[in-house]
Amino acid sequence: MNILLLTWKSFGNEDMIAAFRDLGHTVKEHPIHDQKEVPEAQLRQELSGAFGCFDPDFVFSFNYFPIVSALCKKEGIPYISWIYDSPYVRLYHYTVNNPTNYVFVFDSAQYAEFHNAGIQTVHYLPMAANVERLSAMQDENTFEKTRWRNRHPVAFVGSLYTEKHQFYERMKTISPYTRGYLEGLMAAQRSVYGYNFIQELLPRHIIEDMQKDLPMRPGADSVESIEYLFAQYVINRKLTSLERTELLSQTASRFGLDLYTPDSSVRFRGCTNHGPVDYYDFAPYVFRHAKINLNISLRSILSGIPLRAFDIMGAGGFLMSNYQEDFLKHFVPDEDFVFYESAKDLTDKIEYYLKHDAERSAIAQNGLRRISEHHTYKHRVREMISYLP
């Protein structure tokens, strides 16, 4: 099949191209720009030209672009979109119901939301790992000589959402009542894994007060609610920042922590902050060398397994994660990975697995085997194409 693959600064482009080509498909890459950067008319012209020159059997992109969906509908070309970001507001654009769409989300709870609303173009598909590429990364000496080399037994790769542009920090004039309500709501949610109730517990008067500093509104061409915007982009992001900061600080002081994060100013006792690490070229070495790799999911991910978890296991690393329901659909706890249920449980399990090397190694190998047998990009490509007419 001829596949027009739209490229932007997303994870997974190279892995997806390799999977398509290894399975015998022809891939033509075409860059796609955000509509905020390029006028819509120019973007339409560029995409239409790419369609005409290549005559694709389908168009593929990571994440969903409404303008691509509209053009594919006009031309009668299937559009496969695989979403790995959460939250992702474009998923609520009215074009998502276009009959040429095949939209795949990695969160089964989000899929259920669309399915229950009668949307037939959205499907569940978990993320994947390119085990072949990860296994071929053997330049251990180069990694060990860089500033990214591991120094502690536990590692975390990801954002702490402490950067200055975070929405929650912009709310300077909300009332003490609103601030107290939000802090209490986040404190309650922090003790609960497996169910997120933030969005359903944001009353209108609380949202109206927040809108004074954050004048967010649903788009005129989409169906997301104002509750969704504030819950997912403001509250859950702040909650994740608080949770990651607390758990990582606790871990660092007790066991030592290698932190790879965009905010190089973050400091914890017992923590080495390496700053941002190249996710494609160097993060797999971090995953492989750490005795324990932590996954602390963004709270807007309702039940899904983050891409980080697949890449940790796919690199042969030991994964310790918070509870996410979708793990149980694909992996066996304490055989393929380990999950924790509270801050104390996290500490107890880190202590246990640092003392049981053989058990820890066996779990890492089981996780790698499970990824290799069921969760590579080739597996996902076959699943996506199976939906096409």
Protein backbone atom coordinates (compact mmCIF):
# COMPACT_ATOMS: atom_id res chain seq x y z
CA MET A 1 0.00 0.00 0.00
CA ASN A 2 1.05 3.61 -0.57
CA ILE A 3 1.07 5.57 2.67
CA LEU A 4 1.39 9.32 3.00
CA LEU A 5 2.88 9.82 6.46
CA LEU A 6 2.55 13.34 7.85
CA THR A 7 5.55 14.28 9.95
CA TRP A 8 5.95 16.81 12.74
CA LYS A 9 7.99 16.89 15.95
CA SER A 10 6.32 13.79 17.35
CA PHE A 11 7.66 10.67 18.99
CA GLY A 12 7.64 7.51 16.94
CA ASN A 13 7.99 8.82 13.38
CA GLU A 14 11.08 6.74 12.58
CA ASP A 15 9.68 3.65 14.28
CA MET A 16 6.40 3.90 12.41
CA ILE A 17 8.10 4.40 9.04
CA ALA A 18 10.32 1.37 9.69
CA ALA A 19 7.30 -0.77 10.59
CA PHE A 20 5.37 0.22 7.47
CA ARG A 21 8.35 -0.47 5.21
CA ASP A 22 9.31 -3.73 6.90
CA LEU A 23 5.77 -4.95 6.20
CA GLY A 24 6.16 -4.15 2.51
CA HIS A 25 4.39 -0.80 2.26
CA THR A 26 5.62 2.29 0.42
CA VAL A 27 5.91 5.41 2.57
CA LYS A 28 6.16 9.02 1.46
CA GLU A 29 6.86 11.55 4.19
CA HIS A 30 5.28 15.00 4.11
CA PRO A 31 5.68 17.66 6.83
CA ILE A 32 2.56 19.07 8.40
CA HIS A 33 2.55 22.43 10.11
CA ASP A 34 0.31 23.66 12.86
CA GLN A 35 -2.46 25.95 11.61
CA LYS A 36 -1.18 28.59 14.03
CA GLU A 37 2.11 28.68 12.09
CA VAL A 38 0.85 28.41 8.49
CA PRO A 39 -2.31 29.99 7.00
CA GLU A 40 -5.08 27.45 6.49
CA ALA A 41 -5.27 28.10 2.74
CA GLN A 42 -1.55 27.40 2.33
CA LEU A 43 -1.79 24.24 4.43
CA ARG A 44 -4.72 22.97 2.35
CA GLN A 45 -2.82 23.66 -0.86
CA GLU A 46 0.30 21.85 0.36
CA LEU A 47 -1.65 18.80 1.51
CA SER A 48 -3.76 18.65 -1.66
CA GLY A 49 -0.58 18.75 -3.73
CA ALA A 50 0.89 15.88 -1.71
CA PHE A 51 -2.29 13.84 -2.20
CA GLY A 52 -2.20 14.40 -5.97
CA CYS A 53 1.49 13.60 -6.43
CA PHE A 54 1.49 10.38 -4.43
CA ASP A 55 -2.05 8.99 -4.74
CA PRO A 56 -1.97 7.36 -1.25
CA ASP A 57 -4.08 4.42 -0.17
CA PHE A 58 -4.32 6.15 3.19
CA VAL A 59 -2.87 9.05 5.14
CA PHE A 60 -1.27 8.54 8.56
CA SER A 61 -0.32 10.93 11.35
CA PHE A 62 0.47 10.78 15.02
CA ASN A 63 -2.26 12.83 16.73
CA TYR A 64 -5.30 14.16 14.91
CA PHE A 65 -5.48 17.11 12.52
CA PRO A 66 -9.01 18.28 11.60
CA ILE A 67 -7.85 19.90 8.35
CA VAL A 68 -6.37 16.57 7.22
CA SER A 69 -9.60 14.79 8.08
CA ALA A 70 -11.62 17.30 6.05
CA LEU A 71 -9.37 16.92 3.01
CA CYS A 72 -9.38 13.13 3.26
CA LYS A 73 -13.17 13.13 3.39
CA LYS A 74 -13.30 15.35 0.31
CA GLU A 75 -10.90 13.08 -1.61
CA GLY A 76 -12.35 9.83 -0.30
CA ILE A 77 -9.02 8.76 1.23
CA PRO A 78 -8.85 6.94 4.60
CA TYR A 79 -7.15 8.93 7.36
CA ILE A 80 -5.49 6.92 10.15
CA SER A 81 -4.62 8.98 13.22
CA TRP A 82 -2.91 7.51 16.29
CA ILE A 83 -3.14 9.75 19.32
CA TYR A 84 -0.54 9.52 22.07
CA ASP A 85 -1.02 12.92 23.75
CA SER A 86 -3.32 13.43 26.70
CA PRO A 87 -5.23 15.65 26.93
CA TYR A 88 -5.76 16.27 23.22
CA VAL A 89 -8.49 18.79 22.56
CA ARG A 90 -8.51 18.37 18.76
CA LEU A 91 -10.03 14.95 19.27
CA TYR A 92 -13.27 16.78 20.15
CA HIS A 93 -13.43 18.60 16.80
CA TYR A 94 -16.66 17.99 14.88
CA THR A 95 -14.69 16.42 12.00
CA VAL A 96 -13.81 13.38 14.14
CA ASN A 97 -17.03 11.77 12.92
CA ASN A 98 -15.99 11.95 9.26
CA PRO A 99 -16.55 8.50 7.69
CA THR A 100 -13.01 8.32 6.25
CA ASN A 101 -11.49 8.62 9.75
CA TYR A 102 -9.82 5.80 11.65
CA VAL A 103 -8.81 7.44 14.91
CA PHE A 104 -6.95 5.34 17.47
CA VAL A 105 -6.61 6.38 21.12
CA PHE A 106 -4.35 4.65 23.66
CA ASP A 107 -6.75 5.13 26.58
CA SER A 108 -9.62 2.62 26.70
CA ALA A 109 -11.66 4.86 29.01
CA GLN A 110 -11.46 7.66 26.45
CA TYR A 111 -12.45 5.23 23.72
CA ALA A 112 -15.48 4.20 25.81
CA GLU A 113 -16.51 7.86 26.07
CA PHE A 114 -16.68 8.18 22.28
CA HIS A 115 -18.18 4.74 21.76
CA ASN A 116 -20.95 5.44 24.25
CA ALA A 117 -21.69 8.70 22.43
CA GLY A 118 -22.23 6.76 19.21
CA ILE A 119 -18.97 7.80 17.53
CA GLN A 120 -17.88 4.85 15.37
CA THR A 121 -14.65 6.35 13.97
CA VAL A 122 -12.68 6.20 17.24
CA HIS A 123 -11.00 2.94 18.29
CA TYR A 124 -8.80 1.72 21.13
CA LEU A 125 -5.18 0.90 20.35
CA PRO A 126 -2.41 0.91 22.98
CA MET A 127 1.04 2.32 22.25
CA ALA A 128 4.04 0.19 21.23
CA ALA A 129 7.83 -0.10 21.24
CA ASN A 130 10.36 -0.76 18.49
CA VAL A 131 12.16 -3.67 20.11
CA GLU A 132 14.41 -4.25 17.11
CA ARG A 133 15.80 -0.72 17.26
CA LEU A 134 16.09 -0.73 21.04
CA SER A 135 17.89 -4.08 21.06
CA ALA A 136 20.35 -2.86 18.41
CA MET A 137 21.43 0.12 20.54
CA GLN A 138 24.74 -1.24 21.82
CA ASP A 139 26.88 1.90 22.13
CA GLU A 140 27.05 1.59 25.91
CA ASN A 141 30.46 3.28 26.19
CA THR A 142 29.23 6.48 24.57
CA PHE A 143 26.31 6.63 26.96
CA GLU A 144 28.51 6.03 29.99
CA LYS A 145 30.77 8.93 29.01
CA THR A 146 27.95 11.46 28.71
CA ARG A 147 26.29 13.63 31.32
CA TRP A 148 23.24 11.40 31.00
CA ARG A 149 24.80 8.29 32.51
CA ASN A 150 22.92 6.83 35.47
CA ARG A 151 24.38 7.38 38.94
CA HIS A 152 21.58 6.04 41.13
CA PRO A 153 19.47 2.86 41.22
CA VAL A 154 16.17 4.59 40.38
CA ALA A 155 15.43 6.75 37.32
CA PHE A 156 12.60 8.89 36.00
CA VAL A 157 12.37 10.37 32.50
CA GLY A 158 9.68 13.00 31.97
CA SER A 159 8.37 16.44 32.78
CA LEU A 160 7.53 17.57 36.31
CA TYR A 161 5.28 20.29 34.87
CA THR A 162 7.09 22.89 36.94
CA GLU A 163 7.86 25.15 33.97
CA LYS A 164 6.68 28.75 34.26
CA HIS A 165 4.06 28.49 31.50
CA GLN A 166 1.78 26.17 33.48
CA PHE A 167 -1.80 27.39 33.54
CA TYR A 168 -2.49 26.84 37.23
CA GLU A 169 0.21 29.28 38.27
CA ARG A 170 -1.46 32.04 36.26
CA MET A 171 -4.49 32.08 38.55
CA LYS A 172 -3.49 34.96 40.81
CA THR A 173 -6.85 36.53 41.63
CA ILE A 174 -9.13 33.56 42.36
CA SER A 175 -10.91 33.69 45.68
CA PRO A 176 -9.60 31.91 48.79
CA TYR A 177 -12.68 29.71 48.58
CA THR A 178 -11.90 28.62 45.02
CA ARG A 179 -8.26 27.98 45.82
CA GLY A 180 -9.21 25.97 48.89
CA TYR A 181 -11.75 23.96 46.90
CA LEU A 182 -9.20 23.14 44.21
CA GLU A 183 -6.52 22.19 46.72
CA GLY A 184 -8.95 19.93 48.55
CA LEU A 185 -10.10 18.35 45.30
CA MET A 186 -6.52 17.62 44.26
CA ALA A 187 -5.66 16.23 47.70
CA ALA A 188 -8.60 13.83 47.46
CA GLN A 189 -7.69 12.74 43.92
CA ARG A 190 -4.07 12.10 44.89
CA SER A 191 -5.16 9.25 47.12
CA VAL A 192 -7.18 7.55 44.37
CA TYR A 193 -5.70 5.54 41.48
CA GLY A 194 -7.79 4.07 38.69
CA TYR A 195 -10.55 6.71 38.63
CA ASN A 196 -10.35 10.45 37.98
CA PHE A 197 -13.21 12.55 39.32
CA ILE A 198 -11.76 16.06 38.79
CA GLN A 199 -13.88 16.94 35.76
CA GLU A 200 -17.21 15.89 37.26
CA LEU A 201 -16.56 17.83 40.49
CA LEU A 202 -15.87 21.24 38.96
CA PRO A 203 -19.00 23.31 39.61
CA ARG A 204 -19.88 26.28 37.42
CA HIS A 205 -19.08 28.96 40.03
CA ILE A 206 -15.57 27.55 40.50
CA ILE A 207 -14.97 27.58 36.74
CA GLU A 208 -16.29 31.13 36.43
CA ASP A 209 -13.85 32.29 39.09
CA MET A 210 -10.93 30.56 37.33
CA GLN A 211 -11.95 32.13 34.03
CA LYS A 212 -11.08 35.56 35.40
CA ASP A 213 -7.40 34.67 35.08
CA LEU A 214 -7.73 31.96 32.43
CA PRO A 215 -10.35 33.03 29.85
CA MET A 216 -10.55 29.56 28.30
CA ARG A 217 -13.52 28.72 26.09
CA PRO A 218 -14.49 25.66 24.04
CA GLY A 219 -13.82 26.08 20.33
CA ALA A 220 -16.70 27.03 18.07
CA ASP A 221 -15.95 24.03 15.85
CA SER A 222 -15.58 21.42 18.59
CA VAL A 223 -17.64 19.76 21.29
CA GLU A 224 -15.34 19.65 24.31
CA SER A 225 -16.82 21.11 27.50
CA ILE A 226 -15.45 23.94 29.60
CA GLU A 227 -15.18 21.40 32.44
CA TYR A 228 -12.91 19.26 30.22
CA LEU A 229 -10.58 22.17 29.47
CA PHE A 230 -10.12 23.22 33.07
CA ALA A 231 -9.97 19.68 34.47
CA GLN A 232 -7.47 18.30 31.98
CA TYR A 233 -5.30 21.28 31.01
CA VAL A 234 -5.23 23.08 34.37
CA ILE A 235 -6.12 20.95 37.39
CA ASN A 236 -4.87 17.49 36.38
CA ARG A 237 -1.61 18.98 35.10
CA LYS A 238 -1.04 20.76 38.41
CA LEU A 239 -2.01 17.61 40.29
CA THR A 240 0.53 15.62 38.29
CA SER A 241 3.20 18.20 39.10
CA LEU A 242 2.49 17.94 42.82
CA GLU A 243 2.38 14.15 42.73
CA ARG A 244 5.57 13.71 40.74
CA THR A 245 7.43 16.24 42.87
CA GLU A 246 6.40 14.53 46.09
CA LEU A 247 7.05 10.96 44.98
CA LEU A 248 10.36 11.71 43.28
CA SER A 249 11.61 13.78 46.21
CA GLN A 250 10.68 10.94 48.57
CA THR A 251 12.41 8.41 46.35
CA ALA A 252 15.54 10.53 45.92
CA SER A 253 16.05 11.09 49.64
CA ARG A 254 15.64 7.39 50.42
CA PHE A 255 17.31 5.60 47.50
CA GLY A 256 18.87 8.17 45.15
CA LEU A 257 17.33 9.26 41.85
CA ASP A 258 18.47 10.04 38.31
CA LEU A 259 16.05 12.63 36.97
CA TYR A 260 15.87 13.46 33.25
CA THR A 261 13.52 16.41 32.88
CA PRO A 262 13.19 19.66 30.89
CA ASP A 263 13.37 21.80 34.05
CA SER A 264 17.06 21.69 34.98
CA SER A 265 16.41 23.91 38.03
CA VAL A 266 14.62 21.13 39.97
CA ARG A 267 16.64 20.02 43.01
CA PHE A 268 15.99 17.21 45.49
CA ARG A 269 18.27 15.79 48.15
CA GLY A 270 19.75 12.59 46.72
CA CYS A 271 18.76 13.49 43.15
CA THR A 272 20.97 14.08 40.11
CA ASN A 273 19.05 16.24 37.66
CA HIS A 274 20.56 15.57 34.24
CA GLY A 275 18.24 17.98 32.44
CA PRO A 276 16.45 16.90 29.27
CA VAL A 277 17.61 13.68 27.62
CA ASP A 278 17.18 12.88 23.94
CA TYR A 279 14.27 10.45 24.10
CA TYR A 280 15.13 8.60 20.89
CA ASP A 281 18.92 8.31 21.08
CA PHE A 282 19.71 8.21 24.82
CA ALA A 283 16.63 7.50 26.95
CA PRO A 284 16.70 3.76 26.06
CA TYR A 285 20.13 3.53 27.73
CA VAL A 286 18.68 5.17 30.85
CA PHE A 287 15.87 2.60 30.88
CA ARG A 288 18.27 -0.31 30.39
CA HIS A 289 20.80 0.73 33.04
CA ALA A 290 18.48 1.84 35.84
CA LYS A 291 17.62 -0.85 38.34
CA ILE A 292 14.13 0.63 38.63
CA ASN A 293 12.37 2.94 36.13
CA LEU A 294 9.40 4.88 37.46
CA ASN A 295 6.26 5.75 35.55
CA ILE A 296 4.03 8.35 37.22
CA SER A 297 1.22 8.87 34.73
CA LEU A 298 -0.19 12.25 33.82
CA ARG A 299 -3.51 12.39 35.65
CA SER A 300 -5.45 13.28 32.50
CA ILE A 301 -4.69 9.74 31.24
CA LEU A 302 -7.74 7.99 32.62
CA SER A 303 -6.85 4.32 32.10
CA GLY A 304 -4.22 4.19 29.34
CA ILE A 305 -0.61 3.04 29.40
CA PRO A 306 1.80 5.90 28.60
CA LEU A 307 4.32 5.51 25.80
CA ARG A 308 7.11 5.73 28.40
CA ALA A 309 6.03 2.40 29.91
CA PHE A 310 6.26 0.58 26.58
CA ASP A 311 9.68 2.03 25.86
CA ILE A 312 11.00 1.08 29.31
CA MET A 313 9.92 -2.54 28.91
CA GLY A 314 10.91 -2.58 25.24
CA ALA A 315 14.45 -1.53 26.18
CA GLY A 316 14.67 -4.36 28.72
CA GLY A 317 14.21 -2.09 31.72
CA PHE A 318 12.37 -2.85 34.95
CA LEU A 319 9.11 -0.85 35.14
CA MET A 320 7.42 0.31 38.35
CA SER A 321 4.25 2.27 37.62
CA ASN A 322 1.19 3.73 39.27
CA TYR A 323 -1.95 1.68 38.71
CA GLN A 324 -3.62 2.16 35.30
CA GLU A 325 -6.48 -0.14 34.37
CA ASP A 326 -5.26 -0.82 30.83
CA PHE A 327 -2.11 -2.49 32.13
CA LEU A 328 -4.30 -5.40 33.21
CA LYS A 329 -5.57 -5.87 29.65
CA HIS A 330 -2.07 -6.54 28.31
CA PHE A 331 0.39 -7.32 31.13
CA VAL A 332 0.57 -9.37 34.31
CA PRO A 333 1.47 -7.42 37.49
CA ASP A 334 4.51 -8.76 39.35
CA GLU A 335 5.43 -10.82 36.28
CA ASP A 336 5.88 -8.21 33.51
CA PHE A 337 5.96 -5.03 35.61
CA VAL A 338 5.15 -3.84 39.13
CA PHE A 339 2.59 -1.23 40.14
CA TYR A 340 2.28 0.77 43.36
CA GLU A 341 -0.90 1.96 45.06
CA SER A 342 0.33 4.72 47.38
CA ALA A 343 3.43 6.68 48.33
CA LYS A 344 4.25 4.17 51.07
CA ASP A 345 3.66 1.24 48.73
CA LEU A 346 6.07 2.82 46.25
CA THR A 347 8.79 3.12 48.88
CA ASP A 348 8.23 -0.41 50.15
CA LYS A 349 8.38 -1.92 46.66
CA ILE A 350 11.49 0.02 45.64
CA GLU A 351 13.21 -1.22 48.80
CA TYR A 352 12.09 -4.80 48.11
CA TYR A 353 13.15 -4.96 44.48
CA LEU A 354 16.50 -3.30 45.09
CA LYS A 355 17.25 -6.20 47.43
CA HIS A 356 16.03 -8.92 45.05
CA ASP A 357 18.12 -8.64 41.91
CA ALA A 358 17.15 -11.96 40.36
CA GLU A 359 13.43 -11.33 40.77
CA ARG A 360 13.76 -7.83 39.39
CA SER A 361 15.75 -9.06 36.39
CA ALA A 362 13.21 -11.81 35.65
CA ILE A 363 10.35 -9.29 35.63
CA ALA A 364 12.26 -7.01 33.25
CA GLN A 365 12.89 -9.92 30.89
CA ASN A 366 9.24 -10.98 31.04
CA GLY A 367 8.18 -7.43 30.19
CA LEU A 368 10.55 -7.33 27.23
CA ARG A 369 9.26 -10.68 26.00
CA ARG A 370 5.65 -9.54 26.27
CA ILE A 371 6.42 -6.37 24.30
CA SER A 372 8.31 -8.34 21.64
CA GLU A 373 5.50 -10.83 21.17
CA HIS A 374 2.49 -8.51 21.26
CA HIS A 375 3.30 -4.80 21.34
CA THR A 376 5.67 -3.71 18.58
CA TYR A 377 4.92 -1.12 15.91
CA LYS A 378 4.48 -3.94 13.39
CA HIS A 379 1.72 -5.39 15.55
CA ARG A 380 0.03 -2.00 15.64
CA VAL A 381 0.35 -1.43 11.89
CA ARG A 382 -1.39 -4.73 11.19
CA GLU A 383 -4.17 -3.84 13.64
CA MET A 384 -4.71 -0.40 12.10
CA ILE A 385 -4.82 -1.69 8.54
CA SER A 386 -7.28 -4.42 9.53
CA TYR A 387 -9.90 -1.68 10.08
CA LEU A 388 -9.65 -0.42 6.50
CA PRO A 389 -12.28 -1.53 3.97
